[in-house]
């Protein structure tokens, strides 16, 4: 396994054909780059009042076993969406956390916009050969994504993250994670891309490192 320590190229290659990069079907063109899809099923959720409820595709819970001193509660629930942001657009989602079979203690959100890969682009050179892994969209307002997390009951801001290259890793212990959450996905007025969103609501943190 190659450690991600080499310097990246100054120019990003095309997302087509790069390992770990797939086209987002919600945009015209490959890798999430192009004209946003007006038929995006989430295009009407541009206000809190019309937030799209995200159903969990998997819920796991293993309560602590009192017969083993090392046993602790462990649980996780996972959901996500594929959508697009058109210019002057935003998307709101509602994630129900109050009815899980455990008390949430950790929120993890990953977003890939404008063709960005899960992990940063990495270029490896050896013996005259070059391999490129992942993709970083060009930095700019058109590829900028921001995610704000609010408590649904009070609209208190729980967490926020922004990236001008379409990739967000947002992790937090903070806030009332057991009181349902709104997620607001948006960018500057020039923002224009397809994106993929994944959300994990867990009892504790988990490892998510980028290795090549």
C-alpha atoms as a PDB file:
ATOM      1  CA  UNK A   1       0.000   0.000   0.000  1.00  0.00           C
ATOM      2  CA  UNK A   2       1.349   3.402  -0.953  1.00  0.00           C
ATOM      3  CA  UNK A   3       1.231   6.169   1.628  1.00  0.00           C
ATOM      4  CA  UNK A   4      -0.331   9.402   0.421  1.00  0.00           C
ATOM      5  CA  UNK A   5       2.719  11.581   0.846  1.00  0.00           C
ATOM      6  CA  UNK A   6       3.813  12.492  -2.655  1.00  0.00           C
ATOM      7  CA  UNK A   7       3.056  15.925  -4.023  1.00  0.00           C
ATOM      8  CA  UNK A   8      -0.034  16.204  -6.210  1.00  0.00           C
ATOM      9  CA  UNK A   9       0.074  17.634  -9.712  1.00  0.00           C
ATOM     10  CA  UNK A  10      -0.723  21.296 -10.067  1.00  0.00           C
ATOM     11  CA  UNK A  11      -3.355  20.602 -12.721  1.00  0.00           C
ATOM     12  CA  UNK A  12      -6.286  18.211 -12.251  1.00  0.00           C
ATOM     13  CA  UNK A  13      -6.780  15.618 -15.000  1.00  0.00           C
ATOM     14  CA  UNK A  14     -10.139  14.847 -16.532  1.00  0.00           C
ATOM     15  CA  UNK A  15     -12.357  12.775 -14.196  1.00  0.00           C
ATOM     16  CA  UNK A  16     -13.037  10.264 -16.952  1.00  0.00           C
ATOM     17  CA  UNK A  17     -11.091   7.047 -16.599  1.00  0.00           C
ATOM     18  CA  UNK A  18      -9.484   7.880 -13.255  1.00  0.00           C
ATOM     19  CA  UNK A  19      -9.576   5.177 -10.603  1.00  0.00           C
ATOM     20  CA  UNK A  20     -12.337   5.645  -8.046  1.00  0.00           C
ATOM     21  CA  UNK A  21     -14.294   8.232 -10.085  1.00  0.00           C
ATOM     22  CA  UNK A  22     -17.710   7.501 -11.537  1.00  0.00           C
ATOM     23  CA  UNK A  23     -20.181   9.625 -13.465  1.00  0.00           C
ATOM     24  CA  UNK A  24     -23.124  11.090 -11.565  1.00  0.00           C
ATOM     25  CA  UNK A  25     -26.281  10.354 -13.589  1.00  0.00           C
ATOM     26  CA  UNK A  26     -27.887  13.575 -12.340  1.00  0.00           C
ATOM     27  CA  UNK A  27     -25.739  15.793 -14.541  1.00  0.00           C
ATOM     28  CA  UNK A  28     -25.100  15.996 -18.245  1.00  0.00           C
ATOM     29  CA  UNK A  29     -21.481  14.976 -18.782  1.00  0.00           C
ATOM     30  CA  UNK A  30     -19.166  12.647 -16.875  1.00  0.00           C
ATOM     31  CA  UNK A  31     -17.972  12.845 -13.291  1.00  0.00           C
ATOM     32  CA  UNK A  32     -20.543  15.344 -12.081  1.00  0.00           C
ATOM     33  CA  UNK A  33     -19.301  18.118 -14.389  1.00  0.00           C
ATOM     34  CA  UNK A  34     -21.721  19.843 -16.746  1.00  0.00           C
ATOM     35  CA  UNK A  35     -25.261  21.167 -16.838  1.00  0.00           C
ATOM     36  CA  UNK A  36     -27.268  20.379 -13.706  1.00  0.00           C
ATOM     37  CA  UNK A  37     -30.228  18.070 -14.144  1.00  0.00           C
ATOM     38  CA  UNK A  38     -33.517  19.934 -13.787  1.00  0.00           C
ATOM     39  CA  UNK A  39     -35.280  16.581 -13.320  1.00  0.00           C
ATOM     40  CA  UNK A  40     -33.379  16.013 -10.081  1.00  0.00           C
ATOM     41  CA  UNK A  41     -36.041  14.495  -7.766  1.00  0.00           C
ATOM     42  CA  UNK A  42     -34.905  16.792  -4.949  1.00  0.00           C
ATOM     43  CA  UNK A  43     -35.227  20.097  -6.813  1.00  0.00           C
ATOM     44  CA  UNK A  44     -38.342  21.091  -4.826  1.00  0.00           C
ATOM     45  CA  UNK A  45     -36.599  20.803  -1.442  1.00  0.00           C
ATOM     46  CA  UNK A  46     -34.968  24.235  -1.571  1.00  0.00           C
ATOM     47  CA  UNK A  47     -36.563  25.365   1.692  1.00  0.00           C
ATOM     48  CA  UNK A  48     -36.639  23.995   5.214  1.00  0.00           C
ATOM     49  CA  UNK A  49     -40.428  23.612   4.959  1.00  0.00           C
ATOM     50  CA  UNK A  50     -40.039  21.267   1.965  1.00  0.00           C
ATOM     51  CA  UNK A  51     -37.037  19.315   3.262  1.00  0.00           C
ATOM     52  CA  UNK A  52     -36.718  15.777   1.893  1.00  0.00           C
ATOM     53  CA  UNK A  53     -36.814  13.077   4.556  1.00  0.00           C
ATOM     54  CA  UNK A  54     -33.959  10.606   4.136  1.00  0.00           C
ATOM     55  CA  UNK A  55     -34.785   7.010   5.046  1.00  0.00           C
ATOM     56  CA  UNK A  56     -32.054   4.829   6.502  1.00  0.00           C
ATOM     57  CA  UNK A  57     -30.862   2.019   4.282  1.00  0.00           C
ATOM     58  CA  UNK A  58     -29.258   0.233   7.237  1.00  0.00           C
ATOM     59  CA  UNK A  59     -29.558   0.434  11.045  1.00  0.00           C
ATOM     60  CA  UNK A  60     -27.301  -1.570  13.332  1.00  0.00           C
ATOM     61  CA  UNK A  61     -27.384  -1.838  17.123  1.00  0.00           C
ATOM     62  CA  UNK A  62     -25.651  -4.160  19.567  1.00  0.00           C
ATOM     63  CA  UNK A  63     -26.418  -3.335  23.209  1.00  0.00           C
ATOM     64  CA  UNK A  64     -23.770  -3.791  25.875  1.00  0.00           C
ATOM     65  CA  UNK A  65     -23.541  -7.262  27.415  1.00  0.00           C
ATOM     66  CA  UNK A  66     -23.287  -6.999  31.236  1.00  0.00           C
ATOM     67  CA  UNK A  67     -21.427 -10.342  31.376  1.00  0.00           C
ATOM     68  CA  UNK A  68     -18.411  -8.798  29.643  1.00  0.00           C
ATOM     69  CA  UNK A  69     -16.656  -5.807  31.185  1.00  0.00           C
ATOM     70  CA  UNK A  70     -15.371  -4.652  27.796  1.00  0.00           C
ATOM     71  CA  UNK A  71     -18.766  -4.704  26.086  1.00  0.00           C
ATOM     72  CA  UNK A  72     -20.218  -1.284  25.139  1.00  0.00           C
ATOM     73  CA  UNK A  73     -23.238  -0.086  23.192  1.00  0.00           C
ATOM     74  CA  UNK A  74     -22.428   0.212  19.521  1.00  0.00           C
ATOM     75  CA  UNK A  75     -24.786   1.281  16.776  1.00  0.00           C
ATOM     76  CA  UNK A  76     -24.967   3.028  13.452  1.00  0.00           C
ATOM     77  CA  UNK A  77     -27.554   4.203  10.943  1.00  0.00           C
ATOM     78  CA  UNK A  78     -26.742   5.130   7.358  1.00  0.00           C
ATOM     79  CA  UNK A  79     -28.458   7.091   4.596  1.00  0.00           C
ATOM     80  CA  UNK A  80     -27.668   9.339   1.654  1.00  0.00           C
ATOM     81  CA  UNK A  81     -28.795  10.937  -1.594  1.00  0.00           C
ATOM     82  CA  UNK A  82     -27.648  11.725  -5.136  1.00  0.00           C
ATOM     83  CA  UNK A  83     -28.823  15.096  -6.388  1.00  0.00           C
ATOM     84  CA  UNK A  84     -27.681  18.289  -8.098  1.00  0.00           C
ATOM     85  CA  UNK A  85     -27.243  21.945  -7.278  1.00  0.00           C
ATOM     86  CA  UNK A  86     -28.229  24.393 -10.007  1.00  0.00           C
ATOM     87  CA  UNK A  87     -27.236  28.050  -9.913  1.00  0.00           C
ATOM     88  CA  UNK A  88     -28.916  29.937  -7.037  1.00  0.00           C
ATOM     89  CA  UNK A  89     -30.143  26.615  -5.650  1.00  0.00           C
ATOM     90  CA  UNK A  90     -29.993  24.713  -2.362  1.00  0.00           C
ATOM     91  CA  UNK A  91     -31.254  21.382  -1.016  1.00  0.00           C
ATOM     92  CA  UNK A  92     -32.684  20.670   2.445  1.00  0.00           C
ATOM     93  CA  UNK A  93     -32.905  17.214   4.015  1.00  0.00           C
ATOM     94  CA  UNK A  94     -34.392  15.909   7.254  1.00  0.00           C
ATOM     95  CA  UNK A  95     -32.573  13.098   9.056  1.00  0.00           C
ATOM     96  CA  UNK A  96     -34.550  11.490  11.864  1.00  0.00           C
ATOM     97  CA  UNK A  97     -32.271  10.672  14.806  1.00  0.00           C
ATOM     98  CA  UNK A  98     -34.743  10.766  17.705  1.00  0.00           C
ATOM     99  CA  UNK A  99     -36.259   7.331  17.058  1.00  0.00           C
ATOM    100  CA  UNK A 100     -33.078   5.275  16.721  1.00  0.00           C
ATOM    101  CA  UNK A 101     -32.622   2.296  19.086  1.00  0.00           C
ATOM    102  CA  UNK A 102     -29.583   3.996  20.621  1.00  0.00           C
ATOM    103  CA  UNK A 103     -28.476   7.505  21.602  1.00  0.00           C
ATOM    104  CA  UNK A 104     -26.455   9.054  18.758  1.00  0.00           C
ATOM    105  CA  UNK A 105     -23.074  10.407  19.747  1.00  0.00           C
ATOM    106  CA  UNK A 106     -21.329  10.926  16.414  1.00  0.00           C
ATOM    107  CA  UNK A 107     -22.389  12.432  13.103  1.00  0.00           C
ATOM    108  CA  UNK A 108     -20.377  11.826   9.950  1.00  0.00           C
ATOM    109  CA  UNK A 109     -21.196  13.392   6.576  1.00  0.00           C
ATOM    110  CA  UNK A 110     -19.349  12.850   3.306  1.00  0.00           C
ATOM    111  CA  UNK A 111     -20.093  14.808   0.134  1.00  0.00           C
ATOM    112  CA  UNK A 112     -18.629  14.435  -3.357  1.00  0.00           C
ATOM    113  CA  UNK A 113     -19.553  17.196  -5.802  1.00  0.00           C
ATOM    114  CA  UNK A 114     -18.518  18.107  -9.354  1.00  0.00           C
ATOM    115  CA  UNK A 115     -16.876  14.718  -9.862  1.00  0.00           C
ATOM    116  CA  UNK A 116     -14.667  14.795  -6.738  1.00  0.00           C
ATOM    117  CA  UNK A 117     -13.513  11.407  -5.502  1.00  0.00           C
ATOM    118  CA  UNK A 118     -13.944  10.303  -1.895  1.00  0.00           C
ATOM    119  CA  UNK A 119     -10.250  10.839  -1.187  1.00  0.00           C
ATOM    120  CA  UNK A 120      -8.057  13.660  -2.554  1.00  0.00           C
ATOM    121  CA  UNK A 121      -6.291  13.240  -5.861  1.00  0.00           C
ATOM    122  CA  UNK A 122      -2.930  11.543  -5.524  1.00  0.00           C
ATOM    123  CA  UNK A 123      -0.220  11.218  -8.154  1.00  0.00           C
ATOM    124  CA  UNK A 124       2.415   8.496  -7.758  1.00  0.00           C
ATOM    125  CA  UNK A 125       5.528   8.320  -9.885  1.00  0.00           C
ATOM    126  CA  UNK A 126       8.025   5.483  -9.990  1.00  0.00           C
ATOM    127  CA  UNK A 127      10.628   4.480 -12.562  1.00  0.00           C
ATOM    128  CA  UNK A 128       9.291   6.866 -15.158  1.00  0.00           C
ATOM    129  CA  UNK A 129       5.654   5.787 -14.816  1.00  0.00           C
ATOM    130  CA  UNK A 130       2.846   7.901 -13.349  1.00  0.00           C
ATOM    131  CA  UNK A 131      -0.413   6.771 -11.750  1.00  0.00           C
ATOM    132  CA  UNK A 132      -3.237   9.108 -10.798  1.00  0.00           C
ATOM    133  CA  UNK A 133      -5.790   8.142  -8.161  1.00  0.00           C
ATOM    134  CA  UNK A 134      -8.922  10.153  -7.459  1.00  0.00           C
ATOM    135  CA  UNK A 135      -9.930  13.546  -8.791  1.00  0.00           C
ATOM    136  CA  UNK A 136      -9.975  17.113  -7.431  1.00  0.00           C
ATOM    137  CA  UNK A 137     -12.226  19.488  -9.380  1.00  0.00           C
ATOM    138  CA  UNK A 138     -10.691  22.892 -10.131  1.00  0.00           C
ATOM    139  CA  UNK A 139     -11.050  25.205  -7.137  1.00  0.00           C
ATOM    140  CA  UNK A 140     -13.734  27.818  -7.744  1.00  0.00           C
ATOM    141  CA  UNK A 141     -17.207  29.018  -6.802  1.00  0.00           C
ATOM    142  CA  UNK A 142     -18.851  26.758  -9.391  1.00  0.00           C
ATOM    143  CA  UNK A 143     -17.452  23.710  -7.539  1.00  0.00           C
ATOM    144  CA  UNK A 144     -17.950  25.040  -4.008  1.00  0.00           C
ATOM    145  CA  UNK A 145     -20.224  23.063  -1.720  1.00  0.00           C
ATOM    146  CA  UNK A 146     -21.291  23.877   1.841  1.00  0.00           C
ATOM    147  CA  UNK A 147     -23.235  21.717   4.277  1.00  0.00           C
ATOM    148  CA  UNK A 148     -24.908  23.174   7.365  1.00  0.00           C
ATOM    149  CA  UNK A 149     -26.416  20.913  10.034  1.00  0.00           C
ATOM    150  CA  UNK A 150     -29.222  22.237  12.243  1.00  0.00           C
ATOM    151  CA  UNK A 151     -31.196  20.812  15.135  1.00  0.00           C
ATOM    152  CA  UNK A 152     -34.697  20.339  13.721  1.00  0.00           C
ATOM    153  CA  UNK A 153     -36.362  21.415  16.954  1.00  0.00           C
ATOM    154  CA  UNK A 154     -34.488  24.656  17.609  1.00  0.00           C
ATOM    155  CA  UNK A 155     -32.660  25.371  14.309  1.00  0.00           C
ATOM    156  CA  UNK A 156     -29.466  25.619  16.356  1.00  0.00           C
ATOM    157  CA  UNK A 157     -26.434  25.263  14.092  1.00  0.00           C
ATOM    158  CA  UNK A 158     -24.784  21.974  15.006  1.00  0.00           C
ATOM    159  CA  UNK A 159     -21.962  21.885  12.451  1.00  0.00           C
ATOM    160  CA  UNK A 160     -20.895  23.362   9.124  1.00  0.00           C
ATOM    161  CA  UNK A 161     -18.251  22.676   6.480  1.00  0.00           C
ATOM    162  CA  UNK A 162     -17.332  24.142   3.102  1.00  0.00           C
ATOM    163  CA  UNK A 163     -15.056  23.093   0.246  1.00  0.00           C
ATOM    164  CA  UNK A 164     -14.202  24.862  -3.010  1.00  0.00           C
ATOM    165  CA  UNK A 165     -13.122  21.584  -4.646  1.00  0.00           C
ATOM    166  CA  UNK A 166     -16.336  19.653  -4.117  1.00  0.00           C
ATOM    167  CA  UNK A 167     -15.278  17.358  -1.263  1.00  0.00           C
ATOM    168  CA  UNK A 168     -16.543  17.527   2.325  1.00  0.00           C
ATOM    169  CA  UNK A 169     -15.556  15.419   5.321  1.00  0.00           C
ATOM    170  CA  UNK A 170     -17.710  16.643   8.230  1.00  0.00           C
ATOM    171  CA  UNK A 171     -17.480  14.871  11.599  1.00  0.00           C
ATOM    172  CA  UNK A 172     -18.827  16.094  14.924  1.00  0.00           C
ATOM    173  CA  UNK A 173     -19.673  15.060  18.478  1.00  0.00           C
ATOM    174  CA  UNK A 174     -21.290  18.434  19.105  1.00  0.00           C
ATOM    175  CA  UNK A 175     -24.913  19.398  19.453  1.00  0.00           C
ATOM    176  CA  UNK A 176     -28.159  17.575  20.185  1.00  0.00           C
ATOM    177  CA  UNK A 177     -27.670  14.751  17.716  1.00  0.00           C
ATOM    178  CA  UNK A 178     -30.657  12.839  19.115  1.00  0.00           C
ATOM    179  CA  UNK A 179     -33.250  15.529  18.264  1.00  0.00           C
ATOM    180  CA  UNK A 180     -33.554  15.095  14.462  1.00  0.00           C
ATOM    181  CA  UNK A 181     -31.425  17.104  12.068  1.00  0.00           C
ATOM    182  CA  UNK A 182     -31.799  19.320   9.033  1.00  0.00           C
ATOM    183  CA  UNK A 183     -29.030  19.245   6.427  1.00  0.00           C
ATOM    184  CA  UNK A 184     -28.700  22.218   4.100  1.00  0.00           C
ATOM    185  CA  UNK A 185     -26.590  21.662   0.981  1.00  0.00           C
ATOM    186  CA  UNK A 186     -25.718  24.814  -0.946  1.00  0.00           C
ATOM    187  CA  UNK A 187     -22.978  26.976  -2.424  1.00  0.00           C
ATOM    188  CA  UNK A 188     -22.388  30.440  -3.853  1.00  0.00           C
ATOM    189  CA  UNK A 189     -24.630  31.705  -6.646  1.00  0.00           C
ATOM    190  CA  UNK A 190     -22.277  30.179  -9.258  1.00  0.00           C
ATOM    191  CA  UNK A 191     -22.440  26.661  -7.766  1.00  0.00           C
ATOM    192  CA  UNK A 192     -23.442  24.190 -10.473  1.00  0.00           C
ATOM    193  CA  UNK A 193     -22.835  20.430 -10.109  1.00  0.00           C
ATOM    194  CA  UNK A 194     -24.105  16.980  -9.308  1.00  0.00           C
ATOM    195  CA  UNK A 195     -23.268  15.596  -5.870  1.00  0.00           C
ATOM    196  CA  UNK A 196     -23.467  12.490  -3.737  1.00  0.00           C
ATOM    197  CA  UNK A 197     -24.211  12.705  -0.021  1.00  0.00           C
ATOM    198  CA  UNK A 198     -23.711  10.017   2.613  1.00  0.00           C
ATOM    199  CA  UNK A 199     -24.668  10.327   6.282  1.00  0.00           C
ATOM    200  CA  UNK A 200     -23.767   8.127   9.258  1.00  0.00           C
ATOM    201  CA  UNK A 201     -25.339   8.587  12.700  1.00  0.00           C
ATOM    202  CA  UNK A 202     -23.426   6.437  15.186  1.00  0.00           C
ATOM    203  CA  UNK A 203     -22.812   5.864  18.867  1.00  0.00           C
ATOM    204  CA  UNK A 204     -19.146   6.749  18.421  1.00  0.00           C
ATOM    205  CA  UNK A 205     -16.538   7.706  15.849  1.00  0.00           C
ATOM    206  CA  UNK A 206     -15.175   5.390  13.198  1.00  0.00           C
ATOM    207  CA  UNK A 207     -12.021   5.381  11.120  1.00  0.00           C
ATOM    208  CA  UNK A 208     -12.258   6.844   7.645  1.00  0.00           C
ATOM    209  CA  UNK A 209      -8.751   7.485   6.355  1.00  0.00           C
ATOM    210  CA  UNK A 210      -7.532   7.970   2.820  1.00  0.00           C
ATOM    211  CA  UNK A 211      -4.827   5.503   1.834  1.00  0.00           C
ATOM    212  CA  UNK A 212      -3.586   4.586  -1.627  1.00  0.00           C
END
